[in-house]
Amino acid sequence: MPAALAASHGDRAPVVTGEFRLGDVRHITASSQPLREELGWKPQVTFAEGMAEFAAAPLRAG
């Protein structure tokens, strides 16, 4: 995913060192398969379209 985000922003892919910083989330997994199977859900945009929109979105202070 970092490479897709970088490509959407017109930048080069990050260098992955395998190291982590204190406080980094080490593993995240998610699947839309249950939504697809149980509810018939389908995404409205492709992964690449979503990454491009995310890369171009203005930062928001919370």
C-alpha atoms as a PDB file:
ATOM      1  CA  MET A   1       0.000   0.000   0.000  1.00  0.00           C
ATOM      2  CA  PRO A   2       2.776   2.562   0.648  1.00  0.00           C
ATOM      3  CA  ALA A   3       3.930   2.137  -2.965  1.00  0.00           C
ATOM      4  CA  ALA A   4       0.376   2.701  -4.257  1.00  0.00           C
ATOM      5  CA  LEU A   5       0.006   5.846  -2.165  1.00  0.00           C
ATOM      6  CA  ALA A   6       3.380   7.167  -3.341  1.00  0.00           C
ATOM      7  CA  ALA A   7       2.496   6.454  -6.979  1.00  0.00           C
ATOM      8  CA  SER A   8      -0.853   8.239  -6.576  1.00  0.00           C
ATOM      9  CA  HIS A   9       0.991  11.281  -5.311  1.00  0.00           C
ATOM     10  CA  GLY A  10       3.573  11.122  -8.119  1.00  0.00           C
ATOM     11  CA  ASP A  11       6.391  10.215  -5.764  1.00  0.00           C
ATOM     12  CA  ARG A  12       8.808   7.288  -5.583  1.00  0.00           C
ATOM     13  CA  ALA A  13       8.046   4.226  -3.464  1.00  0.00           C
ATOM     14  CA  PRO A  14       9.333   4.342   0.125  1.00  0.00           C
ATOM     15  CA  VAL A  15      12.321   2.301   1.202  1.00  0.00           C
ATOM     16  CA  VAL A  16      11.137  -0.432   3.563  1.00  0.00           C
ATOM     17  CA  THR A  17      13.862  -1.268   6.061  1.00  0.00           C
ATOM     18  CA  GLY A  18      12.008  -3.748   8.252  1.00  0.00           C
ATOM     19  CA  GLU A  19      12.702  -1.547  11.268  1.00  0.00           C
ATOM     20  CA  PHE A  20       9.942   0.049  13.292  1.00  0.00           C
ATOM     21  CA  ARG A  21       9.576   3.038  15.554  1.00  0.00           C
ATOM     22  CA  LEU A  22       8.245   3.025  19.081  1.00  0.00           C
ATOM     23  CA  GLY A  23       4.470   3.286  18.854  1.00  0.00           C
ATOM     24  CA  ASP A  24       4.211   2.020  15.269  1.00  0.00           C
ATOM     25  CA  VAL A  25       1.380  -0.373  14.511  1.00  0.00           C
ATOM     26  CA  ARG A  26       3.139  -3.568  13.474  1.00  0.00           C
ATOM     27  CA  HIS A  27       0.388  -5.577  11.782  1.00  0.00           C
ATOM     28  CA  ILE A  28      -2.972  -4.556  10.380  1.00  0.00           C
ATOM     29  CA  THR A  29      -5.216  -6.794   8.341  1.00  0.00           C
ATOM     30  CA  ALA A  30      -8.656  -6.095   7.003  1.00  0.00           C
ATOM     31  CA  SER A  31     -10.912  -7.789   4.515  1.00  0.00           C
ATOM     32  CA  SER A  32     -14.107  -6.669   2.850  1.00  0.00           C
ATOM     33  CA  GLN A  33     -14.912 -10.290   1.968  1.00  0.00           C
ATOM     34  CA  PRO A  34     -17.522 -10.738   4.761  1.00  0.00           C
ATOM     35  CA  LEU A  35     -19.314  -7.577   3.574  1.00  0.00           C
ATOM     36  CA  ARG A  36     -19.261  -8.839   0.018  1.00  0.00           C
ATOM     37  CA  GLU A  37     -20.504 -12.317   0.913  1.00  0.00           C
ATOM     38  CA  GLU A  38     -23.049 -11.519   3.627  1.00  0.00           C
ATOM     39  CA  LEU A  39     -24.411  -8.177   2.447  1.00  0.00           C
ATOM     40  CA  GLY A  40     -23.600  -8.127  -1.261  1.00  0.00           C
ATOM     41  CA  TRP A  41     -21.525  -4.974  -0.798  1.00  0.00           C
ATOM     42  CA  LYS A  42     -19.367  -3.754  -3.676  1.00  0.00           C
ATOM     43  CA  PRO A  43     -16.866  -0.876  -3.558  1.00  0.00           C
ATOM     44  CA  GLN A  44     -17.798   2.223  -5.539  1.00  0.00           C
ATOM     45  CA  VAL A  45     -14.194   3.118  -6.421  1.00  0.00           C
ATOM     46  CA  THR A  46     -11.132   1.028  -7.197  1.00  0.00           C
ATOM     47  CA  PHE A  47      -8.189   0.792  -4.817  1.00  0.00           C
ATOM     48  CA  ALA A  48      -6.098   2.980  -7.153  1.00  0.00           C
ATOM     49  CA  GLU A  49      -8.868   5.617  -7.349  1.00  0.00           C
ATOM     50  CA  GLY A  50      -9.176   5.646  -3.558  1.00  0.00           C
ATOM     51  CA  MET A  51      -5.413   6.046  -3.098  1.00  0.00           C
ATOM     52  CA  ALA A  52      -5.337   8.907  -5.605  1.00  0.00           C
ATOM     53  CA  GLU A  53      -8.195  10.681  -3.811  1.00  0.00           C
ATOM     54  CA  PHE A  54      -6.534  10.141  -0.423  1.00  0.00           C
ATOM     55  CA  ALA A  55      -3.153  11.405  -1.720  1.00  0.00           C
ATOM     56  CA  ALA A  56      -4.752  14.595  -3.072  1.00  0.00           C
ATOM     57  CA  ALA A  57      -6.995  15.309  -0.058  1.00  0.00           C
ATOM     58  CA  PRO A  58      -6.075  18.326   2.059  1.00  0.00           C
ATOM     59  CA  LEU A  59      -4.818  17.584   5.552  1.00  0.00           C
ATOM     60  CA  ARG A  60      -7.346  18.271   8.263  1.00  0.00           C
ATOM     61  CA  ALA A  61      -6.425  19.263  11.803  1.00  0.00           C
ATOM     62  CA  GLY A  62      -8.636  17.445  14.247  1.00  0.00           C
END
